[in-house]
Amino acid sequence: MRFLLVIMILVVSNASEFTVMQKACDDQMSTACYEFGFLYETGIWVKKDENKAKEYYIKSCDYGYDKACEKLEHSKVGVE
């Protein structure tokens, strides 16, 4: 999974590629949504926003990515 993250971070370094990654999430690619959640949770390449992170983790979980579901169950991401 971390290999995928490194690849996606390299891709996100270009604003147009960020749009491609967003489209992948919009097209229900669960891992793309998960990585967006991670980016927003950590503040890598985007302004840190735990509420957005949680939204992306929820999408990822809804699209069937078990790791996102586990993250939501065991973390306080986006909890106020």
Foldseek 3Di string as FASTA:
>chain_A
DVVVLVVLLVQVVDVVSVVVLVVCVVVLPLVSLQSVLVCLCVVRPHRNDLLSSLVSLVSSVVSPDVVSVVCVVPDCRPPD
